[in-house]
């Protein structure tokens, strides 16, 4: 059985496996905080759901600085032990 807390993204014809750390819905947009490592220090990414062309959700990396800062603050509040720098 596949781990439901793990997702696989395809970017530039390369598959990237990420672990979902947290998920939240803001303004009818689903955001996820994901990391390459299940535990410990590693790079974290914020992605947002942009729609679904099939039965699978379509996510893109949040790149807008204002949106990224705003969503980062929300994830920091949701997770006591996470700090974005």
N, C-alpha and C. Protein backbone atom coordinates (compact mmCIF):
# COMPACT_ATOMS: atom_id res chain seq x y z
N UNK A 1 0.84 -1.18 0.00
CA UNK A 1 0.00 0.00 0.00
C UNK A 1 0.89 1.24 0.00
N UNK A 2 0.58 2.22 -0.84
CA UNK A 2 1.37 3.44 -0.95
C UNK A 2 1.17 4.33 0.27
N UNK A 3 2.23 5.04 0.62
CA UNK A 3 2.17 5.97 1.73
C UNK A 3 1.41 7.21 1.29
N UNK A 4 0.27 7.50 1.95
CA UNK A 4 -0.56 8.63 1.54
C UNK A 4 0.07 9.96 1.93
N UNK A 5 1.10 9.95 2.74
CA UNK A 5 1.77 11.18 3.14
C UNK A 5 2.95 11.49 2.22
N UNK A 6 3.08 10.76 1.15
CA UNK A 6 4.19 10.95 0.21
C UNK A 6 3.59 11.23 -1.17
N UNK A 7 4.16 12.22 -1.87
CA UNK A 7 3.69 12.53 -3.21
C UNK A 7 4.86 12.48 -4.18
N UNK A 8 4.56 12.27 -5.43
CA UNK A 8 5.57 12.29 -6.48
C UNK A 8 5.19 13.38 -7.46
N UNK A 9 6.12 14.31 -7.68
CA UNK A 9 5.92 15.40 -8.63
C UNK A 9 6.82 15.17 -9.83
N UNK A 10 6.41 15.66 -10.96
CA UNK A 10 7.24 15.61 -12.15
C UNK A 10 7.56 17.05 -12.54
N UNK A 11 8.83 17.39 -12.53
CA UNK A 11 9.29 18.73 -12.91
C UNK A 11 10.47 18.57 -13.86
N UNK A 12 10.39 19.22 -14.98
CA UNK A 12 11.46 19.15 -15.99
C UNK A 12 11.81 17.70 -16.32
N UNK A 13 10.79 16.86 -16.51
CA UNK A 13 10.93 15.44 -16.83
C UNK A 13 11.68 14.65 -15.78
N UNK A 14 11.71 15.16 -14.55
CA UNK A 14 12.36 14.47 -13.43
C UNK A 14 11.34 14.27 -12.32
N UNK A 15 11.28 13.06 -11.77
CA UNK A 15 10.36 12.79 -10.67
C UNK A 15 11.00 13.16 -9.34
N UNK A 16 10.22 13.83 -8.50
CA UNK A 16 10.67 14.24 -7.18
C UNK A 16 9.69 13.67 -6.16
N UNK A 17 10.19 12.94 -5.18
CA UNK A 17 9.33 12.41 -4.13
C UNK A 17 9.44 13.31 -2.91
N UNK A 18 8.28 13.75 -2.40
CA UNK A 18 8.23 14.63 -1.24
C UNK A 18 7.26 14.06 -0.21
N UNK A 19 7.57 14.32 1.05
CA UNK A 19 6.69 13.94 2.15
C UNK A 19 5.83 15.13 2.52
N UNK A 20 4.54 14.92 2.67
CA UNK A 20 3.63 15.98 3.09
C UNK A 20 3.75 16.14 4.59
N UNK A 21 4.14 17.34 5.02
CA UNK A 21 4.31 17.65 6.43
C UNK A 21 3.00 18.19 7.00
N UNK A 22 2.35 19.08 6.24
CA UNK A 22 1.10 19.71 6.69
C UNK A 22 0.32 20.14 5.47
N UNK A 23 -0.96 20.35 5.67
CA UNK A 23 -1.85 20.76 4.59
C UNK A 23 -2.86 21.74 5.16
N UNK A 24 -3.22 22.76 4.38
CA UNK A 24 -4.23 23.72 4.83
C UNK A 24 -4.98 24.27 3.62
N UNK A 25 -6.19 24.76 3.88
CA UNK A 25 -7.02 25.34 2.83
C UNK A 25 -7.20 26.82 3.15
N UNK A 26 -6.85 27.69 2.21
CA UNK A 26 -6.99 29.13 2.40
C UNK A 26 -7.66 29.70 1.16
N UNK A 27 -8.80 30.33 1.35
CA UNK A 27 -9.50 30.94 0.22
C UNK A 27 -9.82 29.96 -0.87
N UNK A 28 -10.27 28.78 -0.51
CA UNK A 28 -10.61 27.71 -1.45
C UNK A 28 -9.41 27.19 -2.25
N UNK A 29 -8.20 27.45 -1.76
CA UNK A 29 -6.98 26.93 -2.39
C UNK A 29 -6.31 26.00 -1.39
N UNK A 30 -5.99 24.80 -1.83
CA UNK A 30 -5.33 23.81 -0.99
C UNK A 30 -3.81 24.00 -1.09
N UNK A 31 -3.16 24.21 0.07
CA UNK A 31 -1.71 24.35 0.14
C UNK A 31 -1.13 23.18 0.91
N UNK A 32 0.06 22.72 0.50
CA UNK A 32 0.76 21.69 1.26
C UNK A 32 2.19 22.15 1.53
N UNK A 33 2.68 21.75 2.69
CA UNK A 33 4.07 21.93 3.05
C UNK A 33 4.71 20.57 2.89
N UNK A 34 5.73 20.48 2.05
CA UNK A 34 6.35 19.19 1.74
C UNK A 34 7.86 19.29 1.88
N UNK A 35 8.48 18.15 2.17
CA UNK A 35 9.92 18.08 2.37
C UNK A 35 10.47 16.81 1.73
N UNK A 36 11.75 16.85 1.38
CA UNK A 36 12.39 15.67 0.80
C UNK A 36 12.65 14.60 1.85
N UNK A 37 12.71 14.98 3.13
CA UNK A 37 12.95 14.03 4.22
C UNK A 37 11.70 13.95 5.10
N UNK A 38 11.41 12.76 5.56
CA UNK A 38 10.22 12.56 6.38
C UNK A 38 10.38 13.22 7.76
N UNK A 39 11.60 13.23 8.27
CA UNK A 39 11.89 13.84 9.57
C UNK A 39 13.24 14.54 9.50
N UNK A 40 13.47 15.45 10.44
CA UNK A 40 14.75 16.13 10.52
C UNK A 40 14.80 17.36 9.64
N UNK A 41 15.97 17.97 9.61
CA UNK A 41 16.17 19.18 8.83
C UNK A 41 16.37 18.85 7.36
N UNK A 42 15.63 19.54 6.53
CA UNK A 42 15.81 19.43 5.08
C UNK A 42 15.07 20.59 4.44
N UNK A 43 15.26 20.75 3.15
CA UNK A 43 14.55 21.81 2.45
C UNK A 43 13.06 21.51 2.46
N UNK A 44 12.27 22.57 2.63
CA UNK A 44 10.82 22.43 2.62
C UNK A 44 10.27 23.27 1.47
N UNK A 45 9.16 22.84 0.94
CA UNK A 45 8.53 23.50 -0.19
C UNK A 45 7.06 23.72 0.11
N UNK A 46 6.54 24.85 -0.35
CA UNK A 46 5.11 25.10 -0.25
C UNK A 46 4.55 25.00 -1.67
N UNK A 47 3.54 24.17 -1.80
CA UNK A 47 2.90 23.97 -3.10
C UNK A 47 1.42 24.29 -2.97
N UNK A 48 0.82 24.68 -4.08
CA UNK A 48 -0.62 24.92 -4.07
C UNK A 48 -1.28 24.12 -5.18
N UNK A 49 -2.49 23.70 -4.89
CA UNK A 49 -3.25 22.93 -5.87
C UNK A 49 -3.81 23.90 -6.88
N UNK A 50 -3.57 23.64 -8.14
CA UNK A 50 -4.00 24.55 -9.20
C UNK A 50 -5.16 23.99 -10.01
N UNK A 51 -5.59 22.81 -9.70
CA UNK A 51 -6.68 22.19 -10.43
C UNK A 51 -6.40 20.72 -10.62
N UNK A 52 -7.31 20.07 -11.28
CA UNK A 52 -7.10 18.67 -11.57
C UNK A 52 -7.59 18.39 -12.98
N UNK A 53 -6.66 18.05 -13.81
CA UNK A 53 -7.00 17.72 -15.19
C UNK A 53 -7.48 16.28 -15.30
N UNK A 54 -7.11 15.47 -14.32
CA UNK A 54 -7.53 14.08 -14.27
C UNK A 54 -8.02 13.81 -12.86
N UNK A 55 -7.99 12.57 -12.45
CA UNK A 55 -8.37 12.22 -11.09
C UNK A 55 -7.30 12.62 -10.08
N UNK A 56 -6.09 12.94 -10.56
CA UNK A 56 -5.00 13.31 -9.68
C UNK A 56 -4.93 14.83 -9.53
N UNK A 57 -4.58 15.30 -8.33
CA UNK A 57 -4.43 16.72 -8.09
C UNK A 57 -3.20 17.26 -8.82
N UNK A 58 -3.27 18.51 -9.23
CA UNK A 58 -2.15 19.17 -9.89
C UNK A 58 -1.65 20.26 -8.94
N UNK A 59 -0.35 20.19 -8.62
CA UNK A 59 0.26 21.15 -7.70
C UNK A 59 1.38 21.90 -8.40
N UNK A 60 1.60 23.14 -7.95
CA UNK A 60 2.74 23.91 -8.43
C UNK A 60 3.42 24.56 -7.24
N UNK A 61 4.73 24.79 -7.36
CA UNK A 61 5.48 25.44 -6.30
C UNK A 61 5.02 26.88 -6.20
N UNK A 62 4.85 27.38 -4.97
CA UNK A 62 4.50 28.78 -4.76
C UNK A 62 5.77 29.59 -4.95
N UNK A 63 5.74 30.52 -5.91
CA UNK A 63 6.93 31.31 -6.22
C UNK A 63 6.74 32.79 -5.92
N UNK A 64 5.50 33.27 -5.82
CA UNK A 64 5.23 34.66 -5.51
C UNK A 64 5.67 34.95 -4.08
N UNK A 65 6.59 35.91 -3.89
CA UNK A 65 7.18 36.18 -2.58
C UNK A 65 6.13 36.55 -1.53
N UNK A 66 5.17 37.38 -1.89
CA UNK A 66 4.14 37.81 -0.94
C UNK A 66 3.27 36.62 -0.51
N UNK A 67 2.86 35.82 -1.47
CA UNK A 67 2.06 34.63 -1.17
C UNK A 67 2.87 33.64 -0.33
N UNK A 68 4.13 33.45 -0.68
CA UNK A 68 5.00 32.52 0.03
C UNK A 68 5.19 32.95 1.48
N UNK A 69 5.41 34.22 1.71
CA UNK A 69 5.58 34.74 3.07
C UNK A 69 4.30 34.55 3.89
N UNK A 70 3.18 34.85 3.29
CA UNK A 70 1.90 34.72 3.98
C UNK A 70 1.60 33.27 4.35
N UNK A 71 1.77 32.37 3.43
CA UNK A 71 1.49 30.95 3.68
C UNK A 71 2.51 30.36 4.65
N UNK A 72 3.77 30.80 4.57
CA UNK A 72 4.80 30.33 5.50
C UNK A 72 4.40 30.65 6.94
N UNK A 73 3.89 31.85 7.17
CA UNK A 73 3.46 32.23 8.52
C UNK A 73 2.35 31.32 9.04
N UNK A 74 1.45 30.98 8.16
CA UNK A 74 0.35 30.09 8.57
C UNK A 74 0.88 28.71 8.94
N UNK A 75 1.79 28.16 8.13
CA UNK A 75 2.36 26.86 8.46
C UNK A 75 3.19 26.92 9.75
N UNK A 76 3.87 28.04 10.00
CA UNK A 76 4.61 28.19 11.26
C UNK A 76 3.67 28.14 12.46
N UNK A 77 2.49 28.73 12.32
CA UNK A 77 1.50 28.71 13.40
C UNK A 77 0.93 27.30 13.59
N UNK A 78 0.73 26.58 12.49
CA UNK A 78 0.17 25.24 12.57
C UNK A 78 1.16 24.25 13.18
N UNK A 79 2.42 24.47 12.93
CA UNK A 79 3.47 23.55 13.39
C UNK A 79 4.40 24.31 14.34
N UNK A 80 4.34 24.00 15.60
CA UNK A 80 5.14 24.70 16.61
C UNK A 80 6.64 24.58 16.38
N UNK A 81 7.10 23.45 15.84
CA UNK A 81 8.54 23.22 15.73
C UNK A 81 9.13 23.53 14.37
N UNK A 82 8.38 24.28 13.54
CA UNK A 82 8.87 24.61 12.20
C UNK A 82 9.11 26.12 12.12
N UNK A 83 10.27 26.47 11.57
CA UNK A 83 10.59 27.87 11.36
C UNK A 83 11.18 28.02 9.97
N UNK A 84 10.66 28.98 9.22
CA UNK A 84 11.15 29.23 7.88
C UNK A 84 12.18 30.35 7.93
N UNK A 85 13.25 30.17 7.16
CA UNK A 85 14.26 31.24 7.13
C UNK A 85 14.53 31.63 5.70
